């Protein structure tokens, strides 16, 4: 690239050792749920004998965040070690920093995924260009896929296993210019507990207050904008009301030209008494038990 700095990823990297924020309190339930970071907002959720993957396969560097390391992609796709055994794959949307069609295709060719949950739309900026390749393969192979095409305010629920189900909630993507991006949050009910993946959803307290009415949230997985923006904190405190938070969508230290790790750390210190206890996942393979 020529012509100087055009995007944040073109800025010089100034590495700094930012201490990981420590939640003021934490606890593990009697029926533990483990969340493990692949990269960015990619999470492997393990519960009982089941595993599901949310936004966990992407390899592009054409954005300001971190791609999933090749070693982790290979382990998921080959079914090796702690990364093996993925049964369900979910994508909130098709942006490059959350999704890769080729990496998803590679997983489904090699592993017996029970179902892929995939937004139907392909409109808006930042969509991964290999979505067409994946859709063609899914159709040709009659692969188990659930295309998501829901209206707002009309969540839909699917059973996954005994005592496990997922609810998909159509939401707006945060930020101007993304109005055409088809976006979903996922609420997992696992035994007696619930985990909500918000990802890049717009900070809209009124909307979440409506669509989550009667659905208590034990843990919300959020990106840093829900901490740093006043409307994000309002959405957490007054609409979603989770018992605790897990914060992801943070670059690895080697990619953090935005100094997001420092921003997250400072925000959690400043807002500690006004937000639920929060654990941070920001390094490859980071994990937390709920």
C-alpha atoms as a PDB file:
ATOM      1  CA  UNK A   1       0.000   0.000   0.000  1.00  0.00           C
ATOM      2  CA  UNK A   2       1.239   3.477  -0.844  1.00  0.00           C
ATOM      3  CA  UNK A   3       0.180   6.973   0.047  1.00  0.00           C
ATOM      4  CA  UNK A   4       0.607   6.858   3.818  1.00  0.00           C
ATOM      5  CA  UNK A   5      -1.813   5.793   6.544  1.00  0.00           C
ATOM      6  CA  UNK A   6      -5.314   4.966   5.305  1.00  0.00           C
ATOM      7  CA  UNK A   7      -6.679   2.656   7.991  1.00  0.00           C
ATOM      8  CA  UNK A   8      -5.890   1.905  11.615  1.00  0.00           C
ATOM      9  CA  UNK A   9      -4.102  -1.290  10.593  1.00  0.00           C
ATOM     10  CA  UNK A  10      -1.568   0.899   8.745  1.00  0.00           C
ATOM     11  CA  UNK A  11      -0.548   2.666  11.960  1.00  0.00           C
ATOM     12  CA  UNK A  12       2.783   1.696  13.531  1.00  0.00           C
ATOM     13  CA  UNK A  13       2.373  -0.861  16.285  1.00  0.00           C
ATOM     14  CA  UNK A  14       3.464   0.340  19.713  1.00  0.00           C
ATOM     15  CA  UNK A  15       3.414  -2.725  21.942  1.00  0.00           C
ATOM     16  CA  UNK A  16       2.527  -2.113  25.565  1.00  0.00           C
ATOM     17  CA  UNK A  17       2.042  -4.574  28.380  1.00  0.00           C
ATOM     18  CA  UNK A  18      -1.552  -4.008  29.508  1.00  0.00           C
ATOM     19  CA  UNK A  19      -2.508  -6.012  32.617  1.00  0.00           C
ATOM     20  CA  UNK A  20      -5.556  -8.180  32.130  1.00  0.00           C
ATOM     21  CA  UNK A  21      -8.547  -6.781  34.043  1.00  0.00           C
ATOM     22  CA  UNK A  22      -9.676  -9.059  36.849  1.00  0.00           C
ATOM     23  CA  UNK A  23     -13.411  -9.328  37.621  1.00  0.00           C
ATOM     24  CA  UNK A  24     -14.298  -8.116  41.089  1.00  0.00           C
ATOM     25  CA  UNK A  25     -16.011 -11.470  41.689  1.00  0.00           C
ATOM     26  CA  UNK A  26     -16.533 -14.667  39.717  1.00  0.00           C
ATOM     27  CA  UNK A  27     -18.112 -18.054  40.240  1.00  0.00           C
ATOM     28  CA  UNK A  28     -18.515 -21.375  38.474  1.00  0.00           C
ATOM     29  CA  UNK A  29     -21.904 -23.017  38.231  1.00  0.00           C
ATOM     30  CA  UNK A  30     -22.641 -26.664  39.100  1.00  0.00           C
ATOM     31  CA  UNK A  31     -23.186 -27.437  35.377  1.00  0.00           C
ATOM     32  CA  UNK A  32     -20.121 -25.640  33.966  1.00  0.00           C
ATOM     33  CA  UNK A  33     -19.981 -23.858  30.620  1.00  0.00           C
ATOM     34  CA  UNK A  34     -16.567 -23.078  29.159  1.00  0.00           C
ATOM     35  CA  UNK A  35     -15.921 -20.284  26.659  1.00  0.00           C
ATOM     36  CA  UNK A  36     -12.632 -20.397  24.719  1.00  0.00           C
ATOM     37  CA  UNK A  37     -11.433 -17.657  22.374  1.00  0.00           C
ATOM     38  CA  UNK A  38     -10.330 -18.460  18.813  1.00  0.00           C
ATOM     39  CA  UNK A  39      -9.740 -14.795  17.887  1.00  0.00           C
ATOM     40  CA  UNK A  40     -11.687 -11.532  17.848  1.00  0.00           C
ATOM     41  CA  UNK A  41     -15.311 -12.500  18.657  1.00  0.00           C
ATOM     42  CA  UNK A  42     -14.809 -16.197  17.902  1.00  0.00           C
ATOM     43  CA  UNK A  43     -15.852 -18.426  20.795  1.00  0.00           C
ATOM     44  CA  UNK A  44     -15.881 -22.186  21.262  1.00  0.00           C
ATOM     45  CA  UNK A  45     -18.578 -22.991  23.831  1.00  0.00           C
ATOM     46  CA  UNK A  46     -18.252 -26.321  25.621  1.00  0.00           C
ATOM     47  CA  UNK A  47     -21.040 -27.671  27.824  1.00  0.00           C
ATOM     48  CA  UNK A  48     -21.444 -31.223  29.055  1.00  0.00           C
ATOM     49  CA  UNK A  49     -20.484 -33.337  26.031  1.00  0.00           C
ATOM     50  CA  UNK A  50     -21.422 -30.673  23.486  1.00  0.00           C
ATOM     51  CA  UNK A  51     -19.479 -28.015  21.602  1.00  0.00           C
ATOM     52  CA  UNK A  52     -20.652 -25.125  19.473  1.00  0.00           C
ATOM     53  CA  UNK A  53     -18.725 -22.430  17.655  1.00  0.00           C
ATOM     54  CA  UNK A  54     -19.802 -18.787  17.303  1.00  0.00           C
ATOM     55  CA  UNK A  55     -18.019 -16.526  14.756  1.00  0.00           C
ATOM     56  CA  UNK A  56     -15.024 -18.785  15.219  1.00  0.00           C
ATOM     57  CA  UNK A  57     -13.609 -19.331  11.706  1.00  0.00           C
ATOM     58  CA  UNK A  58     -12.023 -16.423   9.846  1.00  0.00           C
ATOM     59  CA  UNK A  59      -8.574 -15.836   8.387  1.00  0.00           C
ATOM     60  CA  UNK A  60      -8.561 -12.470   6.603  1.00  0.00           C
ATOM     61  CA  UNK A  61      -6.227  -9.667   7.676  1.00  0.00           C
ATOM     62  CA  UNK A  62      -8.170  -7.043   5.742  1.00  0.00           C
ATOM     63  CA  UNK A  63      -9.466  -5.402   8.928  1.00  0.00           C
ATOM     64  CA  UNK A  64      -8.224  -3.912  12.219  1.00  0.00           C
ATOM     65  CA  UNK A  65      -8.590  -7.058  14.354  1.00  0.00           C
ATOM     66  CA  UNK A  66      -6.890 -10.449  14.631  1.00  0.00           C
ATOM     67  CA  UNK A  67      -7.574 -13.452  12.412  1.00  0.00           C
ATOM     68  CA  UNK A  68      -7.830 -16.923  13.889  1.00  0.00           C
ATOM     69  CA  UNK A  69      -4.320 -18.425  13.974  1.00  0.00           C
ATOM     70  CA  UNK A  70      -3.751 -21.113  11.356  1.00  0.00           C
ATOM     71  CA  UNK A  71      -2.906 -23.625  14.061  1.00  0.00           C
ATOM     72  CA  UNK A  72      -6.317 -23.097  15.695  1.00  0.00           C
ATOM     73  CA  UNK A  73      -8.174 -23.266  12.362  1.00  0.00           C
ATOM     74  CA  UNK A  74      -6.400 -26.534  11.557  1.00  0.00           C
ATOM     75  CA  UNK A  75      -7.174 -28.007  14.975  1.00  0.00           C
ATOM     76  CA  UNK A  76     -10.894 -27.152  14.696  1.00  0.00           C
ATOM     77  CA  UNK A  77     -11.116 -28.447  11.139  1.00  0.00           C
ATOM     78  CA  UNK A  78      -9.145 -31.612  11.878  1.00  0.00           C
ATOM     79  CA  UNK A  79     -11.020 -32.231  15.139  1.00  0.00           C
ATOM     80  CA  UNK A  80      -7.918 -32.220  17.301  1.00  0.00           C
ATOM     81  CA  UNK A  81      -7.465 -31.641  21.028  1.00  0.00           C
ATOM     82  CA  UNK A  82      -9.673 -29.234  22.909  1.00  0.00           C
ATOM     83  CA  UNK A  83     -10.804 -27.705  19.595  1.00  0.00           C
ATOM     84  CA  UNK A  84     -12.271 -30.937  18.252  1.00  0.00           C
ATOM     85  CA  UNK A  85     -15.877 -32.114  18.287  1.00  0.00           C
ATOM     86  CA  UNK A  86     -17.737 -28.994  17.097  1.00  0.00           C
ATOM     87  CA  UNK A  87     -21.399 -29.942  16.563  1.00  0.00           C
ATOM     88  CA  UNK A  88     -23.022 -26.608  15.668  1.00  0.00           C
ATOM     89  CA  UNK A  89     -21.597 -23.536  13.940  1.00  0.00           C
ATOM     90  CA  UNK A  90     -23.187 -20.082  14.250  1.00  0.00           C
ATOM     91  CA  UNK A  91     -22.467 -16.795  12.524  1.00  0.00           C
ATOM     92  CA  UNK A  92     -23.864 -13.483  13.702  1.00  0.00           C
ATOM     93  CA  UNK A  93     -23.078 -11.918  10.295  1.00  0.00           C
ATOM     94  CA  UNK A  94     -20.752 -12.347   7.340  1.00  0.00           C
ATOM     95  CA  UNK A  95     -18.089  -9.697   7.951  1.00  0.00           C
ATOM     96  CA  UNK A  96     -14.471 -10.669   7.313  1.00  0.00           C
ATOM     97  CA  UNK A  97     -13.502 -10.402  10.983  1.00  0.00           C
ATOM     98  CA  UNK A  98     -16.218 -12.896  11.992  1.00  0.00           C
ATOM     99  CA  UNK A  99     -16.642 -15.269   9.057  1.00  0.00           C
ATOM    100  CA  UNK A 100     -14.839 -17.070   6.246  1.00  0.00           C
ATOM    101  CA  UNK A 101     -16.729 -19.130   3.701  1.00  0.00           C
ATOM    102  CA  UNK A 102     -13.676 -21.187   2.754  1.00  0.00           C
ATOM    103  CA  UNK A 103     -12.713 -21.972   6.349  1.00  0.00           C
ATOM    104  CA  UNK A 104     -16.310 -22.966   7.136  1.00  0.00           C
ATOM    105  CA  UNK A 105     -16.461 -25.163   4.033  1.00  0.00           C
ATOM    106  CA  UNK A 106     -13.203 -26.844   5.071  1.00  0.00           C
ATOM    107  CA  UNK A 107     -14.641 -27.651   8.512  1.00  0.00           C
ATOM    108  CA  UNK A 108     -17.878 -29.062   7.118  1.00  0.00           C
ATOM    109  CA  UNK A 109     -16.046 -31.207   4.577  1.00  0.00           C
ATOM    110  CA  UNK A 110     -13.955 -32.797   7.320  1.00  0.00           C
ATOM    111  CA  UNK A 111     -16.186 -32.922  10.412  1.00  0.00           C
ATOM    112  CA  UNK A 112     -19.765 -34.119  11.062  1.00  0.00           C
ATOM    113  CA  UNK A 113     -21.278 -30.739  11.934  1.00  0.00           C
ATOM    114  CA  UNK A 114     -24.887 -31.217  12.936  1.00  0.00           C
ATOM    115  CA  UNK A 115     -26.040 -27.822  11.648  1.00  0.00           C
ATOM    116  CA  UNK A 116     -24.694 -24.502  10.394  1.00  0.00           C
ATOM    117  CA  UNK A 117     -26.685 -21.371  11.286  1.00  0.00           C
ATOM    118  CA  UNK A 118     -25.994 -18.753   8.616  1.00  0.00           C
ATOM    119  CA  UNK A 119     -27.509 -15.313   7.906  1.00  0.00           C
ATOM    120  CA  UNK A 120     -29.251 -15.341   4.537  1.00  0.00           C
ATOM    121  CA  UNK A 121     -28.365 -11.811   3.448  1.00  0.00           C
ATOM    122  CA  UNK A 122     -25.196 -10.773   1.634  1.00  0.00           C
ATOM    123  CA  UNK A 123     -25.716  -7.007   1.468  1.00  0.00           C
ATOM    124  CA  UNK A 124     -23.665  -4.221   3.037  1.00  0.00           C
ATOM    125  CA  UNK A 125     -19.959  -3.374   3.289  1.00  0.00           C
ATOM    126  CA  UNK A 126     -17.322  -5.730   4.648  1.00  0.00           C
ATOM    127  CA  UNK A 127     -19.005  -9.004   3.627  1.00  0.00           C
ATOM    128  CA  UNK A 128     -16.598 -11.903   3.085  1.00  0.00           C
ATOM    129  CA  UNK A 129     -16.251 -12.426  -0.691  1.00  0.00           C
ATOM    130  CA  UNK A 130     -16.197 -16.226  -0.413  1.00  0.00           C
ATOM    131  CA  UNK A 131     -19.779 -16.563   0.827  1.00  0.00           C
ATOM    132  CA  UNK A 132     -20.893 -17.611  -2.671  1.00  0.00           C
ATOM    133  CA  UNK A 133     -18.429 -20.489  -2.715  1.00  0.00           C
ATOM    134  CA  UNK A 134     -19.789 -21.772   0.591  1.00  0.00           C
ATOM    135  CA  UNK A 135     -23.436 -21.435  -0.452  1.00  0.00           C
ATOM    136  CA  UNK A 136     -22.776 -23.348  -3.693  1.00  0.00           C
ATOM    137  CA  UNK A 137     -21.130 -26.177  -1.753  1.00  0.00           C
ATOM    138  CA  UNK A 138     -23.946 -26.272   0.830  1.00  0.00           C
ATOM    139  CA  UNK A 139     -26.536 -26.616  -1.924  1.00  0.00           C
ATOM    140  CA  UNK A 140     -24.599 -29.203  -3.926  1.00  0.00           C
ATOM    141  CA  UNK A 141     -23.888 -31.373  -0.886  1.00  0.00           C
ATOM    142  CA  UNK A 142     -27.291 -30.946   0.810  1.00  0.00           C
ATOM    143  CA  UNK A 143     -25.413 -29.993   3.972  1.00  0.00           C
ATOM    144  CA  UNK A 144     -27.314 -29.320   7.212  1.00  0.00           C
ATOM    145  CA  UNK A 145     -27.758 -25.535   7.185  1.00  0.00           C
ATOM    146  CA  UNK A 146     -30.318 -23.226   8.749  1.00  0.00           C
ATOM    147  CA  UNK A 147     -30.577 -20.038   6.697  1.00  0.00           C
ATOM    148  CA  UNK A 148     -31.582 -17.161   8.991  1.00  0.00           C
ATOM    149  CA  UNK A 149     -33.984 -14.638   7.493  1.00  0.00           C
ATOM    150  CA  UNK A 150     -36.021 -13.277  10.379  1.00  0.00           C
ATOM    151  CA  UNK A 151     -37.832  -9.965  10.837  1.00  0.00           C
ATOM    152  CA  UNK A 152     -36.960  -7.736  13.755  1.00  0.00           C
ATOM    153  CA  UNK A 153     -38.944  -8.339  16.953  1.00  0.00           C
ATOM    154  CA  UNK A 154     -39.621 -11.953  15.894  1.00  0.00           C
ATOM    155  CA  UNK A 155     -36.984 -14.247  17.436  1.00  0.00           C
ATOM    156  CA  UNK A 156     -36.965 -17.922  16.491  1.00  0.00           C
ATOM    157  CA  UNK A 157     -35.911 -20.893  18.602  1.00  0.00           C
ATOM    158  CA  UNK A 158     -34.373 -24.273  17.698  1.00  0.00           C
ATOM    159  CA  UNK A 159     -33.659 -27.267  19.945  1.00  0.00           C
ATOM    160  CA  UNK A 160     -30.047 -28.437  19.867  1.00  0.00           C
ATOM    161  CA  UNK A 161     -29.928 -31.284  22.362  1.00  0.00           C
ATOM    162  CA  UNK A 162     -31.770 -32.350  25.518  1.00  0.00           C
ATOM    163  CA  UNK A 163     -31.805 -29.272  27.806  1.00  0.00           C
ATOM    164  CA  UNK A 164     -30.179 -27.125  25.108  1.00  0.00           C
ATOM    165  CA  UNK A 165     -31.700 -24.700  22.623  1.00  0.00           C
ATOM    166  CA  UNK A 166     -30.795 -21.537  20.748  1.00  0.00           C
ATOM    167  CA  UNK A 167     -32.835 -18.438  19.993  1.00  0.00           C
ATOM    168  CA  UNK A 168     -31.794 -16.249  17.063  1.00  0.00           C
ATOM    169  CA  UNK A 169     -32.655 -12.556  17.371  1.00  0.00           C
ATOM    170  CA  UNK A 170     -32.495 -10.244  14.352  1.00  0.00           C
ATOM    171  CA  UNK A 171     -30.737  -6.996  15.308  1.00  0.00           C
ATOM    172  CA  UNK A 172     -29.192  -3.963  13.701  1.00  0.00           C
ATOM    173  CA  UNK A 173     -25.409  -3.881  13.272  1.00  0.00           C
ATOM    174  CA  UNK A 174     -23.771  -1.070  15.208  1.00  0.00           C
ATOM    175  CA  UNK A 175     -22.460   1.965  13.322  1.00  0.00           C
ATOM    176  CA  UNK A 176     -23.499   4.066  10.375  1.00  0.00           C
ATOM    177  CA  UNK A 177     -23.314   2.493   6.941  1.00  0.00           C
ATOM    178  CA  UNK A 178     -24.174  -1.028   8.101  1.00  0.00           C
ATOM    179  CA  UNK A 179     -27.950  -0.792   7.846  1.00  0.00           C
ATOM    180  CA  UNK A 180     -28.080  -3.435   5.091  1.00  0.00           C
ATOM    181  CA  UNK A 181     -25.997  -6.013   6.983  1.00  0.00           C
ATOM    182  CA  UNK A 182     -28.120  -8.936   8.127  1.00  0.00           C
ATOM    183  CA  UNK A 183     -27.195  -9.447  11.758  1.00  0.00           C
ATOM    184  CA  UNK A 184     -28.236 -11.864  14.531  1.00  0.00           C
ATOM    185  CA  UNK A 185     -27.619 -12.275  18.231  1.00  0.00           C
ATOM    186  CA  UNK A 186     -27.814 -15.747  19.741  1.00  0.00           C
ATOM    187  CA  UNK A 187     -29.284 -16.658  23.116  1.00  0.00           C
ATOM    188  CA  UNK A 188     -28.280 -20.146  24.258  1.00  0.00           C
ATOM    189  CA  UNK A 189     -30.260 -21.873  26.977  1.00  0.00           C
ATOM    190  CA  UNK A 190     -28.071 -24.602  28.442  1.00  0.00           C
ATOM    191  CA  UNK A 191     -29.688 -26.449  31.283  1.00  0.00           C
ATOM    192  CA  UNK A 192     -30.841 -23.838  33.773  1.00  0.00           C
ATOM    193  CA  UNK A 193     -28.617 -21.023  32.427  1.00  0.00           C
ATOM    194  CA  UNK A 194     -28.485 -18.660  29.478  1.00  0.00           C
ATOM    195  CA  UNK A 195     -25.614 -17.112  27.508  1.00  0.00           C
ATOM    196  CA  UNK A 196     -26.295 -14.215  25.131  1.00  0.00           C
ATOM    197  CA  UNK A 197     -23.843 -13.421  22.314  1.00  0.00           C
ATOM    198  CA  UNK A 198     -24.277  -9.772  21.331  1.00  0.00           C
ATOM    199  CA  UNK A 199     -21.257  -9.357  19.060  1.00  0.00           C
ATOM    200  CA  UNK A 200     -21.590  -6.243  16.892  1.00  0.00           C
ATOM    201  CA  UNK A 201     -25.252  -5.568  17.686  1.00  0.00           C
ATOM    202  CA  UNK A 202     -26.408  -1.964  17.940  1.00  0.00           C
ATOM    203  CA  UNK A 203     -26.632  -0.596  21.484  1.00  0.00           C
ATOM    204  CA  UNK A 204     -30.420  -0.245  21.646  1.00  0.00           C
ATOM    205  CA  UNK A 205     -31.883  -0.580  25.121  1.00  0.00           C
ATOM    206  CA  UNK A 206     -35.506  -0.293  23.999  1.00  0.00           C
ATOM    207  CA  UNK A 207     -35.109  -3.048  21.422  1.00  0.00           C
ATOM    208  CA  UNK A 208     -33.419  -5.524  23.755  1.00  0.00           C
ATOM    209  CA  UNK A 209     -35.836  -4.723  26.542  1.00  0.00           C
ATOM    210  CA  UNK A 210     -38.623  -5.819  24.183  1.00  0.00           C
ATOM    211  CA  UNK A 211     -37.118  -8.907  22.528  1.00  0.00           C
ATOM    212  CA  UNK A 212     -35.670 -10.289  25.786  1.00  0.00           C
ATOM    213  CA  UNK A 213     -38.789  -9.734  27.868  1.00  0.00           C
ATOM    214  CA  UNK A 214     -39.238 -12.779  30.093  1.00  0.00           C
ATOM    215  CA  UNK A 215     -35.784 -14.172  29.162  1.00  0.00           C
ATOM    216  CA  UNK A 216     -33.303 -13.658  32.011  1.00  0.00           C
ATOM    217  CA  UNK A 217     -29.675 -13.539  30.869  1.00  0.00           C
ATOM    218  CA  UNK A 218     -27.025 -15.086  33.091  1.00  0.00           C
ATOM    219  CA  UNK A 219     -23.997 -14.122  30.969  1.00  0.00           C
ATOM    220  CA  UNK A 220     -23.729 -11.626  28.119  1.00  0.00           C
ATOM    221  CA  UNK A 221     -20.770 -11.837  25.722  1.00  0.00           C
ATOM    222  CA  UNK A 222     -20.149  -8.287  24.519  1.00  0.00           C
ATOM    223  CA  UNK A 223     -17.719  -6.241  22.458  1.00  0.00           C
ATOM    224  CA  UNK A 224     -15.977  -3.223  24.020  1.00  0.00           C
ATOM    225  CA  UNK A 225     -18.475  -0.711  22.609  1.00  0.00           C
ATOM    226  CA  UNK A 226     -21.025  -1.954  25.131  1.00  0.00           C
ATOM    227  CA  UNK A 227     -18.592  -0.791  27.820  1.00  0.00           C
ATOM    228  CA  UNK A 228     -17.262   2.445  26.334  1.00  0.00           C
ATOM    229  CA  UNK A 229     -20.471   3.936  24.931  1.00  0.00           C
ATOM    230  CA  UNK A 230     -23.120   5.399  27.258  1.00  0.00           C
ATOM    231  CA  UNK A 231     -25.898   3.749  25.229  1.00  0.00           C
ATOM    232  CA  UNK A 232     -24.008   0.453  25.476  1.00  0.00           C
ATOM    233  CA  UNK A 233     -23.790   0.637  29.260  1.00  0.00           C
ATOM    234  CA  UNK A 234     -27.461   1.623  29.389  1.00  0.00           C
ATOM    235  CA  UNK A 235     -28.357  -1.416  27.288  1.00  0.00           C
ATOM    236  CA  UNK A 236     -26.449  -3.706  29.650  1.00  0.00           C
ATOM    237  CA  UNK A 237     -27.720  -2.214  32.894  1.00  0.00           C
ATOM    238  CA  UNK A 238     -31.327  -1.418  32.032  1.00  0.00           C
ATOM    239  CA  UNK A 239     -32.366  -3.797  29.247  1.00  0.00           C
ATOM    240  CA  UNK A 240     -30.302  -6.998  29.227  1.00  0.00           C
ATOM    241  CA  UNK A 241     -29.468  -7.023  32.956  1.00  0.00           C
ATOM    242  CA  UNK A 242     -26.990  -9.944  32.891  1.00  0.00           C
ATOM    243  CA  UNK A 243     -25.461 -11.298  36.084  1.00  0.00           C
ATOM    244  CA  UNK A 244     -22.003 -11.046  34.493  1.00  0.00           C
ATOM    245  CA  UNK A 245     -20.153 -10.157  31.286  1.00  0.00           C
ATOM    246  CA  UNK A 246     -17.522 -11.704  29.063  1.00  0.00           C
ATOM    247  CA  UNK A 247     -15.739  -9.152  26.862  1.00  0.00           C
ATOM    248  CA  UNK A 248     -14.198 -10.150  23.529  1.00  0.00           C
ATOM    249  CA  UNK A 249     -13.672  -8.617  20.047  1.00  0.00           C
ATOM    250  CA  UNK A 250     -10.272  -7.279  21.149  1.00  0.00           C
ATOM    251  CA  UNK A 251      -7.116  -7.608  19.005  1.00  0.00           C
ATOM    252  CA  UNK A 252      -4.233  -9.754  20.148  1.00  0.00           C
ATOM    253  CA  UNK A 253      -1.346  -7.668  21.517  1.00  0.00           C
ATOM    254  CA  UNK A 254       0.570  -8.148  18.254  1.00  0.00           C
ATOM    255  CA  UNK A 255      -2.286  -6.514  16.290  1.00  0.00           C
ATOM    256  CA  UNK A 256      -3.521  -3.861  18.724  1.00  0.00           C
ATOM    257  CA  UNK A 257      -2.772  -0.677  16.831  1.00  0.00           C
ATOM    258  CA  UNK A 258      -6.020   0.823  18.171  1.00  0.00           C
ATOM    259  CA  UNK A 259      -4.808   0.323  21.764  1.00  0.00           C
ATOM    260  CA  UNK A 260      -8.102  -1.322  22.504  1.00  0.00           C
ATOM    261  CA  UNK A 261      -6.686  -3.446  25.284  1.00  0.00           C
ATOM    262  CA  UNK A 262      -5.721  -0.322  27.213  1.00  0.00           C
ATOM    263  CA  UNK A 263      -9.154   1.218  26.555  1.00  0.00           C
ATOM    264  CA  UNK A 264     -10.975  -1.882  27.787  1.00  0.00           C
ATOM    265  CA  UNK A 265      -8.825  -2.110  30.909  1.00  0.00           C
ATOM    266  CA  UNK A 266      -9.314   1.550  31.818  1.00  0.00           C
ATOM    267  CA  UNK A 267     -13.054   1.425  31.132  1.00  0.00           C
ATOM    268  CA  UNK A 268     -13.602  -1.618  33.315  1.00  0.00           C
ATOM    269  CA  UNK A 269     -11.691   0.007  36.164  1.00  0.00           C
ATOM    270  CA  UNK A 270     -13.701   3.211  35.823  1.00  0.00           C
ATOM    271  CA  UNK A 271     -17.082   1.473  35.484  1.00  0.00           C
ATOM    272  CA  UNK A 272     -16.429  -1.431  37.832  1.00  0.00           C
ATOM    273  CA  UNK A 273     -19.167  -0.595  40.319  1.00  0.00           C
ATOM    274  CA  UNK A 274     -21.707   0.281  37.610  1.00  0.00           C
ATOM    275  CA  UNK A 275     -21.377  -2.850  35.484  1.00  0.00           C
ATOM    276  CA  UNK A 276     -21.739  -6.562  36.248  1.00  0.00           C
ATOM    277  CA  UNK A 277     -18.525  -8.501  36.944  1.00  0.00           C
ATOM    278  CA  UNK A 278     -16.603  -8.810  33.678  1.00  0.00           C
ATOM    279  CA  UNK A 279     -14.022 -11.324  32.431  1.00  0.00           C
ATOM    280  CA  UNK A 280     -11.898 -10.445  29.389  1.00  0.00           C
ATOM    281  CA  UNK A 281     -10.830 -12.774  26.573  1.00  0.00           C
ATOM    282  CA  UNK A 282      -8.119 -11.175  24.470  1.00  0.00           C
ATOM    283  CA  UNK A 283      -5.380 -13.768  23.784  1.00  0.00           C
ATOM    284  CA  UNK A 284      -5.460 -16.908  21.637  1.00  0.00           C
ATOM    285  CA  UNK A 285      -6.982 -19.776  23.612  1.00  0.00           C
ATOM    286  CA  UNK A 286      -8.133 -17.608  26.524  1.00  0.00           C
ATOM    287  CA  UNK A 287     -10.883 -19.345  28.439  1.00  0.00           C
ATOM    288  CA  UNK A 288     -13.373 -18.729  31.193  1.00  0.00           C
ATOM    289  CA  UNK A 289     -15.692 -21.088  33.021  1.00  0.00           C
ATOM    290  CA  UNK A 290     -19.230 -20.002  33.819  1.00  0.00           C
END
